[in-house]
Amino acid sequence: MIHKLFTAPMNLVFKVGEKVKEEADRELYDISNIQQKLVHLQMLYELDEIPEKLYREQEEELLIRYEAAKKREMEQWDNMTKQQK
């Protein structure tokens, strides 16, 4: 019983940390989210709401994230198919 009193706060911290990591991964690696941001960025540029330099910098960053997300997706797919064999 006393053991639970001391470990409960730590378990809560670990659970919160896991949720934060999941949300960060979703933000960084969610392909549809990245695609939406690319479209939004392009619209801002076409409407002259952001300068070309900023557009190019942000586009490059998003494309790097997109490539990493696709690579991660392929690795997950490969791992799933290997487990089924």
Protein backbone atom coordinates (compact mmCIF):
# COMPACT_ATOMS: atom_id res chain seq x y z
CA MET A 1 0.00 0.00 0.00
CA ILE A 2 2.74 2.48 0.91
CA HIS A 3 4.61 1.46 -2.22
CA LYS A 4 1.64 2.62 -4.32
CA LEU A 5 1.62 6.00 -2.59
CA PHE A 6 5.22 6.62 -3.63
CA THR A 7 5.03 5.21 -7.16
CA ALA A 8 1.67 6.71 -8.19
CA PRO A 9 3.09 10.20 -8.90
CA MET A 10 5.89 8.68 -10.99
CA ASN A 11 3.44 6.57 -12.97
CA LEU A 12 1.37 9.67 -13.64
CA VAL A 13 4.44 11.55 -14.87
CA PHE A 14 5.29 8.66 -17.22
CA LYS A 15 1.74 8.57 -18.60
CA VAL A 16 1.74 12.32 -19.19
CA GLY A 17 5.13 12.03 -20.88
CA GLU A 18 3.81 9.29 -23.18
CA LYS A 19 0.83 11.45 -24.15
CA VAL A 20 3.07 14.44 -24.88
CA LYS A 21 5.30 12.24 -27.05
CA GLU A 22 2.28 10.85 -28.92
CA GLU A 23 0.99 14.37 -29.61
CA ALA A 24 4.43 15.57 -30.72
CA ASP A 25 4.78 12.57 -33.04
CA ARG A 26 1.33 13.25 -34.45
CA GLU A 27 2.28 16.88 -35.11
CA LEU A 28 5.63 15.99 -36.67
CA TYR A 29 4.76 12.82 -38.58
CA ASP A 30 1.08 13.05 -39.51
CA ILE A 31 1.16 13.13 -43.31
CA SER A 32 -2.26 14.72 -43.76
CA ASN A 33 -1.36 17.44 -41.24
CA ILE A 34 1.85 18.20 -43.15
CA GLN A 35 -0.04 18.28 -46.45
CA GLN A 36 -2.57 20.72 -45.02
CA LYS A 37 0.22 22.97 -43.80
CA LEU A 38 1.84 22.89 -47.24
CA VAL A 39 -1.43 23.89 -48.91
CA HIS A 40 -1.99 26.66 -46.37
CA LEU A 41 1.55 27.92 -46.85
CA GLN A 42 1.12 27.97 -50.61
CA MET A 43 -2.13 29.89 -50.29
CA LEU A 44 -0.45 32.49 -48.07
CA TYR A 45 2.32 32.90 -50.61
CA GLU A 46 -0.03 33.15 -53.59
CA LEU A 47 -2.05 35.81 -51.78
CA ASP A 48 1.17 37.75 -51.11
CA GLU A 49 0.71 37.42 -47.37
CA ILE A 50 4.23 36.06 -46.84
CA PRO A 51 7.47 36.85 -48.70
CA GLU A 52 9.02 34.30 -51.04
CA LYS A 53 12.05 33.73 -48.82
CA LEU A 54 9.88 32.77 -45.85
CA TYR A 55 7.72 30.62 -48.11
CA ARG A 56 10.76 28.72 -49.44
CA GLU A 57 12.19 28.19 -45.93
CA GLN A 58 8.94 26.88 -44.48
CA GLU A 59 8.21 24.79 -47.56
CA GLU A 60 11.62 23.14 -47.30
CA GLU A 61 11.07 22.38 -43.61
CA LEU A 62 7.64 20.87 -44.31
CA LEU A 63 8.96 18.80 -47.21
CA ILE A 64 11.73 17.41 -45.00
CA ARG A 65 9.11 16.50 -42.38
CA TYR A 66 6.93 14.95 -45.10
CA GLU A 67 9.81 12.83 -46.35
CA ALA A 68 10.63 11.70 -42.79
CA ALA A 69 6.97 10.86 -42.17
CA LYS A 70 6.75 8.80 -45.37
CA LYS A 71 9.94 6.97 -44.46
CA ARG A 72 8.61 6.26 -40.98
CA GLU A 73 5.31 5.06 -42.45
CA MET A 74 7.16 2.67 -44.78
CA GLU A 75 9.27 1.33 -41.91
CA GLN A 76 6.14 0.71 -39.84
CA TRP A 77 4.53 -1.05 -42.81
CA ASP A 78 7.63 -3.23 -43.30
CA ASN A 79 7.65 -4.14 -39.60
CA MET A 80 3.97 -5.08 -39.71
CA THR A 81 4.40 -7.28 -42.77
CA LYS A 82 7.47 -8.99 -41.28
CA GLN A 83 5.54 -9.82 -38.11
CA GLN A 84 2.74 -11.43 -40.10
CA LYS A 85 5.10 -13.84 -41.85
